[in-house]
C-alpha atoms as a PDB file:
ATOM      1  CA  MET A   1      30.772   6.321 -12.306  1.00  0.00           C
ATOM      2  CA  ILE A   2      29.888   3.574  -9.894  1.00  0.00           C
ATOM      3  CA  PRO A   3      29.215   0.335 -11.768  1.00  0.00           C
ATOM      4  CA  LYS A   4      25.600  -0.758 -11.813  1.00  0.00           C
ATOM      5  CA  GLY A   5      25.004  -3.209  -9.004  1.00  0.00           C
ATOM      6  CA  SER A   6      27.569  -1.751  -6.598  1.00  0.00           C
ATOM      7  CA  ILE A   7      26.148  -1.845  -3.110  1.00  0.00           C
ATOM      8  CA  LEU A   8      27.123   1.698  -2.149  1.00  0.00           C
ATOM      9  CA  GLU A   9      26.017   4.096  -4.850  1.00  0.00           C
ATOM     10  CA  ASP A  10      25.762   7.192  -2.644  1.00  0.00           C
ATOM     11  CA  VAL A  11      27.773   8.165   0.437  1.00  0.00           C
ATOM     12  CA  GLU A  12      24.626   9.548   2.026  1.00  0.00           C
ATOM     13  CA  ALA A  13      23.036   6.081   1.807  1.00  0.00           C
ATOM     14  CA  ASP A  14      25.297   4.786   4.594  1.00  0.00           C
ATOM     15  CA  ASP A  15      25.432   6.797   7.828  1.00  0.00           C
ATOM     16  CA  ASP A  16      28.649   5.085   8.959  1.00  0.00           C
ATOM     17  CA  VAL A  17      30.542   5.928   5.776  1.00  0.00           C
ATOM     18  CA  ARG A  18      29.200   9.498   5.747  1.00  0.00           C
ATOM     19  CA  ARG A  19      30.191  10.000   9.401  1.00  0.00           C
ATOM     20  CA  LEU A  20      33.741   8.745   8.742  1.00  0.00           C
ATOM     21  CA  VAL A  21      34.092  11.000   5.678  1.00  0.00           C
ATOM     22  CA  HIS A  22      32.903  14.064   7.602  1.00  0.00           C
ATOM     23  CA  ASN A  23      35.113  13.279  10.606  1.00  0.00           C
ATOM     24  CA  MET A  24      38.134  12.979   8.347  1.00  0.00           C
ATOM     25  CA  MET A  25      37.291  16.221   6.505  1.00  0.00           C
ATOM     26  CA  GLU A  26      37.271  18.032   9.850  1.00  0.00           C
ATOM     27  CA  LEU A  27      40.714  16.846  10.989  1.00  0.00           C
ATOM     28  CA  TYR A  28      42.605  19.770  12.487  1.00  0.00           C
ATOM     29  CA  GLU A  29      45.678  19.234  10.290  1.00  0.00           C
ATOM     30  CA  GLY A  30      43.574  18.595   7.183  1.00  0.00           C
ATOM     31  CA  THR A  31      43.361  15.620   4.870  1.00  0.00           C
ATOM     32  CA  THR A  32      43.104  14.703   1.190  1.00  0.00           C
ATOM     33  CA  ILE A  33      40.465  12.926  -0.831  1.00  0.00           C
ATOM     34  CA  ILE A  34      42.904  10.052  -1.351  1.00  0.00           C
ATOM     35  CA  ASN A  35      43.443   9.704   2.424  1.00  0.00           C
ATOM     36  CA  ILE A  36      39.677   9.482   2.895  1.00  0.00           C
ATOM     37  CA  VAL A  37      39.402   6.873   0.129  1.00  0.00           C
ATOM     38  CA  VAL A  38      42.082   4.722   1.777  1.00  0.00           C
ATOM     39  CA  GLU A  39      40.471   4.994   5.208  1.00  0.00           C
ATOM     40  CA  CYS A  40      36.984   4.149   3.889  1.00  0.00           C
ATOM     41  CA  GLN A  41      38.338   1.161   1.993  1.00  0.00           C
ATOM     42  CA  ARG A  42      40.147  -0.058   5.090  1.00  0.00           C
ATOM     43  CA  GLU A  43      37.132   0.386   7.328  1.00  0.00           C
ATOM     44  CA  TYR A  44      34.395  -0.869   5.003  1.00  0.00           C
ATOM     45  CA  GLN A  45      36.098  -3.356   2.657  1.00  0.00           C
ATOM     46  CA  GLU A  46      34.157  -6.290   4.089  1.00  0.00           C
ATOM     47  CA  ARG A  47      30.801  -4.534   3.902  1.00  0.00           C
ATOM     48  CA  TYR A  48      31.394  -3.279   0.343  1.00  0.00           C
ATOM     49  CA  PHE A  49      33.681  -6.021  -0.958  1.00  0.00           C
ATOM     50  CA  SER A  50      32.513  -5.561  -4.570  1.00  0.00           C
ATOM     51  CA  MET A  51      33.741  -1.953  -4.711  1.00  0.00           C
ATOM     52  CA  LYS A  52      37.121  -1.381  -6.328  1.00  0.00           C
ATOM     53  CA  THR A  53      39.531   1.454  -5.549  1.00  0.00           C
ATOM     54  CA  ASN A  54      38.295   3.515  -8.503  1.00  0.00           C
ATOM     55  CA  ASP A  55      34.691   3.067  -7.345  1.00  0.00           C
ATOM     56  CA  TRP A  56      35.593   4.516  -3.936  1.00  0.00           C
ATOM     57  CA  ARG A  57      37.718   7.250  -5.489  1.00  0.00           C
ATOM     58  CA  HIS A  58      35.002   8.493  -7.852  1.00  0.00           C
ATOM     59  CA  LEU A  59      32.209   8.197  -5.291  1.00  0.00           C
ATOM     60  CA  LEU A  60      34.073  10.030  -2.531  1.00  0.00           C
ATOM     61  CA  ARG A  61      35.653  12.637  -4.802  1.00  0.00           C
ATOM     62  CA  ASP A  62      32.241  13.616  -6.184  1.00  0.00           C
ATOM     63  CA  TYR A  63      30.648  13.665  -2.721  1.00  0.00           C
ATOM     64  CA  ILE A  64      33.440  15.699  -1.099  1.00  0.00           C
ATOM     65  CA  ARG A  65      33.505  18.222  -3.934  1.00  0.00           C
ATOM     66  CA  LYS A  66      29.737  18.652  -3.613  1.00  0.00           C
ATOM     67  CA  VAL A  67      29.754  19.030   0.190  1.00  0.00           C
ATOM     68  CA  THR A  68      32.700  21.425   0.264  1.00  0.00           C
ATOM     69  CA  GLU A  69      31.347  23.332  -2.744  1.00  0.00           C
ATOM     70  CA  ARG A  70      34.808  23.066  -4.304  1.00  0.00           C
ATOM     71  CA  PRO A  71      34.382  21.361  -7.696  1.00  0.00           C
ATOM     72  CA  GLU A  72      38.051  21.987  -8.480  1.00  0.00           C
ATOM     73  CA  LEU A  73      39.361  20.243  -5.323  1.00  0.00           C
ATOM     74  CA  GLN A  74      42.179  17.907  -6.350  1.00  0.00           C
ATOM     75  CA  GLU A  75      42.528  14.397  -4.929  1.00  0.00           C
ATOM     76  CA  GLU A  76      45.981  15.083  -3.418  1.00  0.00           C
ATOM     77  CA  GLU A  77      45.182  18.627  -2.195  1.00  0.00           C
ATOM     78  CA  VAL A  78      45.185  19.007   1.594  1.00  0.00           C
ATOM     79  CA  PHE A  79      41.974  20.586   2.836  1.00  0.00           C
ATOM     80  CA  ARG A  80      39.933  20.977   5.982  1.00  0.00           C
ATOM     81  CA  PHE A  81      36.181  21.418   6.119  1.00  0.00           C
ATOM     82  CA  VAL A  82      34.029  22.303   9.116  1.00  0.00           C
ATOM     83  CA  MET A  83      30.289  21.740   8.975  1.00  0.00           C
ATOM     84  CA  ALA A  84      28.200  24.690  10.073  1.00  0.00           C
ATOM     85  CA  GLY A  85      26.356  23.728  13.154  1.00  0.00           C
END
C-alpha cells in the first residue's frame, strides 16, 4: 500500500514513469521488478522524494503484475514483456 499523501499513487498517473517502466519491461535480455524499482528510484527520486523503497516496490510490483497479467510474477524473476501494437 502506498501511504496516504504520497505524490505518486498510480504509475499511470505519470507518463514519464510509465514510459520508463514499459521500456525496461521490453528490454531484449529481460529485467526484474527489482531492477525497475531501482531505475525508477534513481530517475525520479527528486520528483517523488517522499516515496520510500517499499512504496516504489509495492506500486511497481502491483502495476507490472497487472500489465503482464502475471499475478504470480516474483520480484527477482527475469521477464520480458512486449506491448501489442
